[in-house]
Amino acid sequence: MALKGNLRDFTITQLLNLINLARKTGTLIIEGPNDTAWVSFREGKLAYAKMGKEDNSLSTILYRAKKISQAQYKMIRARAGNMSDKELGLLLINANYITQEDILTSLQTEYIGVVHRLFTWVEGLFRFENGILPPDDKITLRISLENIIIEGTRRLREWEQLQDEIPSLEIALKFTDRPGTNLRNVNLSVEEWRVVSYINPKNSIRRIANTTKMNDLEIRRIVYGLLQAGLVEMVRVEGAPVPKRGKIAGVTTTDPEEQKSLVNRLINRIRSI
């Protein structure tokens, strides 16, 4: 009997547990509301994963993993664009650009990252194609599912909590006016500073996420941290229609000039990094 159904009835955790215990070989195809994922397994172990139309060529994965420089990436794309991932990997190893371990680590991070993102999917159709594996030119691995399931379940709990705290991404953020705040003592990561640089009552959180190329979990995690630190608060997007029924919990209206002083100080702090 074919394994297929709806994520509302069968969760990602349950699917992975079944594949692991049954030592299945094949590809799980999940069609979500906004994207499609392909995850391949060999005897119950993760072999390959791809999300939608995202570029998952070896050169791009290595560049995202910071194993090669931008100059090296551009050169590889220009001179070895028609090479398969296996051919390119062998070429890079022989040319002493990277090691085999660099390739395997980068691919493992990529594949596991795709699967972790699936844990936040609560809607979508899935089917498991027995015996179907990725194209021969792709590099496959054999990654145990146990730790992936444990970490994915933890992320799912985090996701549920963040959804409670930030119920919608169609709202904006504004800086709180705290005269006593010393911005030099605010330790933010590079990703957090990127988000901070786009905070404006005219920008929804979703717009910031799209601009910074962050998924829903990543942007919610950063926004939650900024909210907990008391640096920002949620507001209705400037110019957006006023909701007919009440307002979103914790969201206030604002004048764009109201926080000008703090905004300017943050911008100057960002420029100094």
C-alpha atoms as a PDB file:
ATOM      1  CA  MET A   1       0.000   0.000   0.000  1.00  0.00           C
ATOM      2  CA  ALA A   2       1.374   3.426  -1.013  1.00  0.00           C
ATOM      3  CA  LEU A   3       2.331   5.828   1.753  1.00  0.00           C
ATOM      4  CA  LYS A   4       0.455   9.054   1.052  1.00  0.00           C
ATOM      5  CA  GLY A   5      -1.825  11.444   2.861  1.00  0.00           C
ATOM      6  CA  ASN A   6      -2.200  14.883   4.453  1.00  0.00           C
ATOM      7  CA  LEU A   7       0.083  16.489   7.042  1.00  0.00           C
ATOM      8  CA  ARG A   8      -2.993  17.404   9.070  1.00  0.00           C
ATOM      9  CA  ASP A   9      -3.447  13.691   9.730  1.00  0.00           C
ATOM     10  CA  PHE A  10       0.159  12.458   9.689  1.00  0.00           C
ATOM     11  CA  THR A  11       2.955  14.698  10.992  1.00  0.00           C
ATOM     12  CA  ILE A  12       6.551  14.947   9.768  1.00  0.00           C
ATOM     13  CA  THR A  13       7.696  13.321  13.005  1.00  0.00           C
ATOM     14  CA  GLN A  14       5.441  10.329  12.387  1.00  0.00           C
ATOM     15  CA  LEU A  15       6.569  10.056   8.765  1.00  0.00           C
ATOM     16  CA  LEU A  16      10.257  10.076   9.674  1.00  0.00           C
ATOM     17  CA  ASN A  17       9.742   7.566  12.478  1.00  0.00           C
ATOM     18  CA  LEU A  18       7.956   5.218  10.061  1.00  0.00           C
ATOM     19  CA  ILE A  19      10.662   5.579   7.403  1.00  0.00           C
ATOM     20  CA  ASN A  20      13.357   5.009  10.023  1.00  0.00           C
ATOM     21  CA  LEU A  21      11.769   1.943  11.602  1.00  0.00           C
ATOM     22  CA  ALA A  22      10.750   0.374   8.280  1.00  0.00           C
ATOM     23  CA  ARG A  23      14.184   1.143   6.769  1.00  0.00           C
ATOM     24  CA  LYS A  24      12.491   2.562   3.695  1.00  0.00           C
ATOM     25  CA  THR A  25      14.325   3.408   0.467  1.00  0.00           C
ATOM     26  CA  GLY A  26      12.784   6.024  -1.773  1.00  0.00           C
ATOM     27  CA  THR A  27      11.760   9.670  -1.934  1.00  0.00           C
ATOM     28  CA  LEU A  28       9.227  11.517   0.207  1.00  0.00           C
ATOM     29  CA  ILE A  29       7.540  14.306  -1.756  1.00  0.00           C
ATOM     30  CA  ILE A  30       5.678  16.932   0.253  1.00  0.00           C
ATOM     31  CA  GLU A  31       3.576  19.593  -1.478  1.00  0.00           C
ATOM     32  CA  GLY A  32       2.977  22.446   0.942  1.00  0.00           C
ATOM     33  CA  PRO A  33       0.883  25.582   0.438  1.00  0.00           C
ATOM     34  CA  ASN A  34       3.864  27.585  -0.848  1.00  0.00           C
ATOM     35  CA  ASP A  35       6.585  25.083  -1.722  1.00  0.00           C
ATOM     36  CA  THR A  36       7.445  21.477  -2.516  1.00  0.00           C
ATOM     37  CA  ALA A  37      10.147  19.398  -0.843  1.00  0.00           C
ATOM     38  CA  TRP A  38      11.881  16.213  -1.971  1.00  0.00           C
ATOM     39  CA  VAL A  39      13.580  14.106   0.694  1.00  0.00           C
ATOM     40  CA  SER A  40      15.288  10.850  -0.248  1.00  0.00           C
ATOM     41  CA  PHE A  41      16.201   7.936   2.001  1.00  0.00           C
ATOM     42  CA  ARG A  42      18.288   4.801   1.668  1.00  0.00           C
ATOM     43  CA  GLU A  43      17.431   1.978   4.082  1.00  0.00           C
ATOM     44  CA  GLY A  44      15.884   4.418   6.544  1.00  0.00           C
ATOM     45  CA  LYS A  45      18.718   6.954   6.481  1.00  0.00           C
ATOM     46  CA  LEU A  46      18.572  10.468   5.037  1.00  0.00           C
ATOM     47  CA  ALA A  47      20.339  10.541   1.675  1.00  0.00           C
ATOM     48  CA  TYR A  48      19.321  13.806   0.008  1.00  0.00           C
ATOM     49  CA  ALA A  49      16.950  16.765   0.394  1.00  0.00           C
ATOM     50  CA  LYS A  50      15.847  19.653  -1.786  1.00  0.00           C
ATOM     51  CA  MET A  51      13.424  22.500  -1.165  1.00  0.00           C
ATOM     52  CA  GLY A  52      11.403  23.809  -4.093  1.00  0.00           C
ATOM     53  CA  LYS A  53      13.301  25.789  -6.706  1.00  0.00           C
ATOM     54  CA  GLU A  54      16.144  26.683  -4.372  1.00  0.00           C
ATOM     55  CA  ASP A  55      19.584  26.296  -5.912  1.00  0.00           C
ATOM     56  CA  ASN A  56      21.114  23.235  -4.277  1.00  0.00           C
ATOM     57  CA  SER A  57      24.067  22.773  -6.605  1.00  0.00           C
ATOM     58  CA  LEU A  58      27.271  21.778  -4.841  1.00  0.00           C
ATOM     59  CA  SER A  59      28.973  25.107  -5.599  1.00  0.00           C
ATOM     60  CA  THR A  60      26.084  27.081  -4.079  1.00  0.00           C
ATOM     61  CA  ILE A  61      25.927  24.852  -0.993  1.00  0.00           C
ATOM     62  CA  LEU A  62      29.676  25.231  -0.449  1.00  0.00           C
ATOM     63  CA  TYR A  63      29.410  29.001  -0.838  1.00  0.00           C
ATOM     64  CA  ARG A  64      26.517  29.230   1.643  1.00  0.00           C
ATOM     65  CA  ALA A  65      28.539  27.101   4.061  1.00  0.00           C
ATOM     66  CA  LYS A  66      31.480  29.531   3.622  1.00  0.00           C
ATOM     67  CA  LYS A  67      33.768  26.762   2.397  1.00  0.00           C
ATOM     68  CA  ILE A  68      34.642  28.750  -0.717  1.00  0.00           C
ATOM     69  CA  SER A  69      34.974  32.507  -1.228  1.00  0.00           C
ATOM     70  CA  GLN A  70      32.754  34.631  -3.437  1.00  0.00           C
ATOM     71  CA  ALA A  71      35.547  34.904  -6.000  1.00  0.00           C
ATOM     72  CA  GLN A  72      35.988  31.127  -6.058  1.00  0.00           C
ATOM     73  CA  TYR A  73      32.234  30.654  -6.343  1.00  0.00           C
ATOM     74  CA  LYS A  74      31.993  32.970  -9.355  1.00  0.00           C
ATOM     75  CA  MET A  75      34.941  31.269 -11.034  1.00  0.00           C
ATOM     76  CA  ILE A  76      33.469  27.807 -10.473  1.00  0.00           C
ATOM     77  CA  ARG A  77      30.088  28.901 -11.848  1.00  0.00           C
ATOM     78  CA  ALA A  78      31.745  30.391 -14.914  1.00  0.00           C
ATOM     79  CA  ARG A  79      34.172  27.567 -15.701  1.00  0.00           C
ATOM     80  CA  ALA A  80      32.483  24.450 -14.354  1.00  0.00           C
ATOM     81  CA  GLY A  81      28.828  25.285 -14.752  1.00  0.00           C
ATOM     82  CA  ASN A  82      28.055  22.120 -16.736  1.00  0.00           C
ATOM     83  CA  MET A  83      29.821  19.739 -14.365  1.00  0.00           C
ATOM     84  CA  SER A  84      27.840  17.348 -12.200  1.00  0.00           C
ATOM     85  CA  ASP A  85      28.153  17.701  -8.426  1.00  0.00           C
ATOM     86  CA  LYS A  86      30.233  14.528  -8.250  1.00  0.00           C
ATOM     87  CA  GLU A  87      32.621  15.732 -10.963  1.00  0.00           C
ATOM     88  CA  LEU A  88      32.909  19.167  -9.395  1.00  0.00           C
ATOM     89  CA  GLY A  89      33.537  17.739  -5.939  1.00  0.00           C
ATOM     90  CA  LEU A  90      36.359  15.564  -7.239  1.00  0.00           C
ATOM     91  CA  LEU A  91      37.854  18.505  -9.141  1.00  0.00           C
ATOM     92  CA  LEU A  92      37.809  20.782  -6.086  1.00  0.00           C
ATOM     93  CA  ILE A  93      39.403  18.130  -3.885  1.00  0.00           C
ATOM     94  CA  ASN A  94      42.159  17.397  -6.408  1.00  0.00           C
ATOM     95  CA  ALA A  95      42.814  21.137  -6.827  1.00  0.00           C
ATOM     96  CA  ASN A  96      43.143  21.487  -3.025  1.00  0.00           C
ATOM     97  CA  TYR A  97      40.332  24.025  -2.870  1.00  0.00           C
ATOM     98  CA  ILE A  98      38.522  22.034  -0.181  1.00  0.00           C
ATOM     99  CA  THR A  99      38.627  18.636   1.482  1.00  0.00           C
ATOM    100  CA  GLN A 100      36.236  15.731   1.196  1.00  0.00           C
ATOM    101  CA  GLU A 101      35.190  16.452   4.771  1.00  0.00           C
ATOM    102  CA  ASP A 102      34.256  20.026   3.773  1.00  0.00           C
ATOM    103  CA  ILE A 103      31.937  18.680   1.087  1.00  0.00           C
ATOM    104  CA  LEU A 104      30.305  16.036   3.276  1.00  0.00           C
ATOM    105  CA  THR A 105      29.800  18.447   6.191  1.00  0.00           C
ATOM    106  CA  SER A 106      28.277  21.118   3.950  1.00  0.00           C
ATOM    107  CA  LEU A 107      25.901  18.663   2.284  1.00  0.00           C
ATOM    108  CA  GLN A 108      24.869  17.195   5.632  1.00  0.00           C
ATOM    109  CA  THR A 109      24.053  20.667   6.982  1.00  0.00           C
ATOM    110  CA  GLU A 110      22.070  21.457   3.830  1.00  0.00           C
ATOM    111  CA  TYR A 111      20.025  18.258   3.806  1.00  0.00           C
ATOM    112  CA  ILE A 112      19.291  18.300   7.532  1.00  0.00           C
ATOM    113  CA  GLY A 113      18.344  21.978   7.291  1.00  0.00           C
ATOM    114  CA  VAL A 114      15.708  21.199   4.665  1.00  0.00           C
ATOM    115  CA  VAL A 115      14.201  18.459   6.838  1.00  0.00           C
ATOM    116  CA  HIS A 116      14.170  20.701   9.926  1.00  0.00           C
ATOM    117  CA  ARG A 117      12.158  23.293   8.005  1.00  0.00           C
ATOM    118  CA  LEU A 118       9.527  20.666   7.261  1.00  0.00           C
ATOM    119  CA  PHE A 119       8.726  20.259  10.950  1.00  0.00           C
ATOM    120  CA  THR A 120       6.931  23.636  10.853  1.00  0.00           C
ATOM    121  CA  TRP A 121       4.669  22.501   8.001  1.00  0.00           C
ATOM    122  CA  VAL A 122       1.207  21.663   9.297  1.00  0.00           C
ATOM    123  CA  GLU A 123      -0.562  21.557   5.948  1.00  0.00           C
ATOM    124  CA  GLY A 124       0.303  19.784   2.720  1.00  0.00           C
ATOM    125  CA  LEU A 125      -0.011  16.554   0.796  1.00  0.00           C
ATOM    126  CA  PHE A 126       2.688  13.893   0.897  1.00  0.00           C
ATOM    127  CA  ARG A 127       3.507  10.682  -0.913  1.00  0.00           C
ATOM    128  CA  PHE A 128       6.398   8.254  -0.667  1.00  0.00           C
ATOM    129  CA  GLU A 129       7.812   6.899  -3.937  1.00  0.00           C
ATOM    130  CA  ASN A 130       9.411   3.527  -3.198  1.00  0.00           C
ATOM    131  CA  GLY A 131      12.812   2.929  -4.731  1.00  0.00           C
ATOM    132  CA  ILE A 132      13.057   6.417  -6.274  1.00  0.00           C
ATOM    133  CA  LEU A 133      16.352   8.162  -5.505  1.00  0.00           C
ATOM    134  CA  PRO A 134      17.864  11.494  -6.655  1.00  0.00           C
ATOM    135  CA  PRO A 135      19.670  11.809 -10.027  1.00  0.00           C
ATOM    136  CA  ASP A 136      23.010  10.015 -10.305  1.00  0.00           C
ATOM    137  CA  ASP A 137      24.917  13.300 -10.573  1.00  0.00           C
ATOM    138  CA  LYS A 138      23.896  14.294  -7.023  1.00  0.00           C
ATOM    139  CA  ILE A 139      25.994  13.349  -3.992  1.00  0.00           C
ATOM    140  CA  THR A 140      24.007  11.299  -1.501  1.00  0.00           C
ATOM    141  CA  LEU A 141      24.771  10.636   2.163  1.00  0.00           C
ATOM    142  CA  ARG A 142      23.661   8.215   4.866  1.00  0.00           C
ATOM    143  CA  ILE A 143      22.509  10.242   7.878  1.00  0.00           C
ATOM    144  CA  SER A 144      20.742   8.611  10.824  1.00  0.00           C
ATOM    145  CA  LEU A 145      17.274  10.007  11.487  1.00  0.00           C
ATOM    146  CA  GLU A 146      17.166   9.688  15.282  1.00  0.00           C
ATOM    147  CA  ASN A 147      18.919  12.977  16.088  1.00  0.00           C
ATOM    148  CA  ILE A 148      17.100  14.751  13.263  1.00  0.00           C
ATOM    149  CA  ILE A 149      13.761  13.710  14.748  1.00  0.00           C
ATOM    150  CA  ILE A 150      14.776  14.818  18.256  1.00  0.00           C
ATOM    151  CA  GLU A 151      15.995  18.230  17.066  1.00  0.00           C
ATOM    152  CA  GLY A 152      13.015  18.654  14.741  1.00  0.00           C
ATOM    153  CA  THR A 153      10.594  17.954  17.573  1.00  0.00           C
ATOM    154  CA  ARG A 154      12.362  20.550  19.735  1.00  0.00           C
ATOM    155  CA  ARG A 155      12.094  23.086  16.921  1.00  0.00           C
ATOM    156  CA  LEU A 156       8.410  22.296  16.516  1.00  0.00           C
ATOM    157  CA  ARG A 157       7.785  23.143  20.181  1.00  0.00           C
ATOM    158  CA  GLU A 158       9.753  26.365  19.719  1.00  0.00           C
ATOM    159  CA  TRP A 159       7.747  27.147  16.591  1.00  0.00           C
ATOM    160  CA  GLU A 160       4.448  26.685  18.427  1.00  0.00           C
ATOM    161  CA  GLN A 161       5.595  29.009  21.219  1.00  0.00           C
ATOM    162  CA  LEU A 162       6.755  31.661  18.724  1.00  0.00           C
ATOM    163  CA  GLN A 163       3.439  31.479  16.898  1.00  0.00           C
ATOM    164  CA  ASP A 164       1.671  32.201  20.188  1.00  0.00           C
ATOM    165  CA  GLU A 165       3.953  35.175  20.874  1.00  0.00           C
ATOM    166  CA  ILE A 166       3.931  36.498  17.277  1.00  0.00           C
ATOM    167  CA  PRO A 167       0.617  35.344  15.780  1.00  0.00           C
ATOM    168  CA  SER A 168       1.015  37.193  12.477  1.00  0.00           C
ATOM    169  CA  LEU A 169       3.849  38.351  10.229  1.00  0.00           C
ATOM    170  CA  GLU A 170       1.581  40.955   8.638  1.00  0.00           C
ATOM    171  CA  ILE A 171       2.357  43.437  11.410  1.00  0.00           C
ATOM    172  CA  ALA A 172       5.214  45.918  11.767  1.00  0.00           C
ATOM    173  CA  LEU A 173       7.738  46.803  14.433  1.00  0.00           C
ATOM    174  CA  LYS A 174       8.777  50.088  15.978  1.00  0.00           C
ATOM    175  CA  PHE A 175      11.603  50.912  18.348  1.00  0.00           C
ATOM    176  CA  THR A 176      10.640  51.562  21.940  1.00  0.00           C
ATOM    177  CA  ASP A 177      11.671  54.905  23.358  1.00  0.00           C
ATOM    178  CA  ARG A 178      13.893  54.050  26.301  1.00  0.00           C
ATOM    179  CA  PRO A 179      16.143  57.060  27.011  1.00  0.00           C
ATOM    180  CA  GLY A 180      18.276  55.057  29.411  1.00  0.00           C
ATOM    181  CA  THR A 181      19.187  52.413  26.868  1.00  0.00           C
ATOM    182  CA  ASN A 182      22.877  52.315  26.057  1.00  0.00           C
ATOM    183  CA  LEU A 183      23.108  50.885  22.569  1.00  0.00           C
ATOM    184  CA  ARG A 184      26.792  50.177  22.949  1.00  0.00           C
ATOM    185  CA  ASN A 185      25.875  47.514  25.487  1.00  0.00           C
ATOM    186  CA  VAL A 186      23.395  45.816  23.132  1.00  0.00           C
ATOM    187  CA  ASN A 187      25.023  42.662  21.783  1.00  0.00           C
ATOM    188  CA  LEU A 188      23.195  41.552  18.646  1.00  0.00           C
ATOM    189  CA  SER A 189      24.202  38.980  16.074  1.00  0.00           C
ATOM    190  CA  VAL A 190      24.805  39.880  12.425  1.00  0.00           C
ATOM    191  CA  GLU A 191      21.374  38.461  11.533  1.00  0.00           C
ATOM    192  CA  GLU A 192      19.715  40.520  14.278  1.00  0.00           C
ATOM    193  CA  TRP A 193      21.386  43.716  13.064  1.00  0.00           C
ATOM    194  CA  ARG A 194      20.158  42.970   9.537  1.00  0.00           C
ATOM    195  CA  VAL A 195      16.583  42.742  10.818  1.00  0.00           C
ATOM    196  CA  VAL A 196      17.021  45.873  12.958  1.00  0.00           C
ATOM    197  CA  SER A 197      18.158  47.859   9.916  1.00  0.00           C
ATOM    198  CA  TYR A 198      14.781  47.283   8.225  1.00  0.00           C
ATOM    199  CA  ILE A 199      12.548  48.016  11.217  1.00  0.00           C
ATOM    200  CA  ASN A 200      10.047  50.676  10.200  1.00  0.00           C
ATOM    201  CA  PRO A 201       6.301  51.048  10.772  1.00  0.00           C
ATOM    202  CA  LYS A 202       5.876  50.760   6.992  1.00  0.00           C
ATOM    203  CA  ASN A 203       7.595  47.347   6.810  1.00  0.00           C
ATOM    204  CA  SER A 204       5.718  44.246   7.885  1.00  0.00           C
ATOM    205  CA  ILE A 205       7.670  41.465   9.559  1.00  0.00           C
ATOM    206  CA  ARG A 206       6.993  39.317   6.492  1.00  0.00           C
ATOM    207  CA  ARG A 207       8.495  41.971   4.240  1.00  0.00           C
ATOM    208  CA  ILE A 208      11.594  42.102   6.439  1.00  0.00           C
ATOM    209  CA  ALA A 209      11.831  38.300   6.299  1.00  0.00           C
ATOM    210  CA  ASN A 210      11.610  38.305   2.497  1.00  0.00           C
ATOM    211  CA  THR A 211      14.212  41.079   2.207  1.00  0.00           C
ATOM    212  CA  THR A 212      16.674  39.339   4.531  1.00  0.00           C
ATOM    213  CA  LYS A 213      15.872  35.904   3.027  1.00  0.00           C
ATOM    214  CA  MET A 214      14.801  34.409   6.356  1.00  0.00           C
ATOM    215  CA  ASN A 215      12.147  31.743   6.804  1.00  0.00           C
ATOM    216  CA  ASP A 216       9.205  32.129   9.197  1.00  0.00           C
ATOM    217  CA  LEU A 217      10.974  30.389  12.087  1.00  0.00           C
ATOM    218  CA  GLU A 218      14.160  32.445  11.748  1.00  0.00           C
ATOM    219  CA  ILE A 219      12.391  35.820  11.595  1.00  0.00           C
ATOM    220  CA  ARG A 220      10.049  34.960  14.472  1.00  0.00           C
ATOM    221  CA  ARG A 221      13.004  33.849  16.598  1.00  0.00           C
ATOM    222  CA  ILE A 222      14.848  37.129  16.039  1.00  0.00           C
ATOM    223  CA  VAL A 223      11.784  39.322  16.503  1.00  0.00           C
ATOM    224  CA  TYR A 224      10.918  37.487  19.728  1.00  0.00           C
ATOM    225  CA  GLY A 225      14.429  38.161  21.044  1.00  0.00           C
ATOM    226  CA  LEU A 226      14.133  41.877  20.214  1.00  0.00           C
ATOM    227  CA  LEU A 227      10.732  42.012  21.904  1.00  0.00           C
ATOM    228  CA  GLN A 228      12.053  40.276  25.032  1.00  0.00           C
ATOM    229  CA  ALA A 229      14.997  42.696  25.146  1.00  0.00           C
ATOM    230  CA  GLY A 230      12.550  45.594  25.131  1.00  0.00           C
ATOM    231  CA  LEU A 231      14.062  47.119  21.983  1.00  0.00           C
ATOM    232  CA  VAL A 232      10.946  46.918  19.805  1.00  0.00           C
ATOM    233  CA  GLU A 233       7.201  46.533  20.011  1.00  0.00           C
ATOM    234  CA  MET A 234       4.618  45.349  17.505  1.00  0.00           C
ATOM    235  CA  VAL A 235       2.440  47.873  15.678  1.00  0.00           C
ATOM    236  CA  ARG A 236      -0.066  47.904  12.850  1.00  0.00           C
ATOM    237  CA  VAL A 237       1.605  48.441   9.470  1.00  0.00           C
ATOM    238  CA  GLU A 238       1.447  52.138   8.629  1.00  0.00           C
ATOM    239  CA  GLY A 239      -1.282  52.736   6.066  1.00  0.00           C
ATOM    240  CA  ALA A 240      -2.871  49.317   6.532  1.00  0.00           C
ATOM    241  CA  PRO A 241      -6.667  49.184   7.019  1.00  0.00           C
ATOM    242  CA  VAL A 242      -7.793  49.285  10.650  1.00  0.00           C
ATOM    243  CA  PRO A 243      -9.029  45.812  11.717  1.00  0.00           C
ATOM    244  CA  LYS A 244     -12.828  45.686  12.084  1.00  0.00           C
ATOM    245  CA  ARG A 245     -12.710  43.661  15.267  1.00  0.00           C
ATOM    246  CA  GLY A 246     -10.403  45.005  17.953  1.00  0.00           C
ATOM    247  CA  LYS A 247      -6.669  44.774  17.420  1.00  0.00           C
ATOM    248  CA  ILE A 248      -3.898  42.230  17.606  1.00  0.00           C
ATOM    249  CA  ALA A 249      -2.752  41.607  21.155  1.00  0.00           C
ATOM    250  CA  GLY A 250       0.318  43.656  22.027  1.00  0.00           C
ATOM    251  CA  VAL A 251       0.131  45.795  18.877  1.00  0.00           C
ATOM    252  CA  THR A 252      -0.126  49.584  19.126  1.00  0.00           C
ATOM    253  CA  THR A 253      -0.345  52.425  16.613  1.00  0.00           C
ATOM    254  CA  THR A 254       2.549  54.821  16.133  1.00  0.00           C
ATOM    255  CA  ASP A 255       3.738  58.042  14.572  1.00  0.00           C
ATOM    256  CA  PRO A 256       6.752  57.390  12.267  1.00  0.00           C
ATOM    257  CA  GLU A 257       8.548  60.405  13.736  1.00  0.00           C
ATOM    258  CA  GLU A 258       7.939  59.272  17.290  1.00  0.00           C
ATOM    259  CA  GLN A 259      11.052  57.103  17.552  1.00  0.00           C
ATOM    260  CA  LYS A 260      13.372  59.150  15.333  1.00  0.00           C
ATOM    261  CA  SER A 261      16.053  59.662  17.972  1.00  0.00           C
ATOM    262  CA  LEU A 262      16.469  55.983  18.774  1.00  0.00           C
ATOM    263  CA  VAL A 263      16.290  54.992  15.096  1.00  0.00           C
ATOM    264  CA  ASN A 264      19.123  57.363  14.229  1.00  0.00           C
ATOM    265  CA  ARG A 265      21.247  56.004  17.078  1.00  0.00           C
ATOM    266  CA  LEU A 266      20.644  52.425  15.921  1.00  0.00           C
ATOM    267  CA  ILE A 267      21.518  53.288  12.319  1.00  0.00           C
ATOM    268  CA  ASN A 268      24.753  54.921  13.437  1.00  0.00           C
ATOM    269  CA  ARG A 269      25.549  51.863  15.551  1.00  0.00           C
ATOM    270  CA  ILE A 270      24.922  49.554  12.577  1.00  0.00           C
ATOM    271  CA  ARG A 271      27.168  51.621  10.302  1.00  0.00           C
ATOM    272  CA  SER A 272      29.988  51.391  12.824  1.00  0.00           C
ATOM    273  CA  ILE A 273      30.020  47.560  12.757  1.00  0.00           C
END
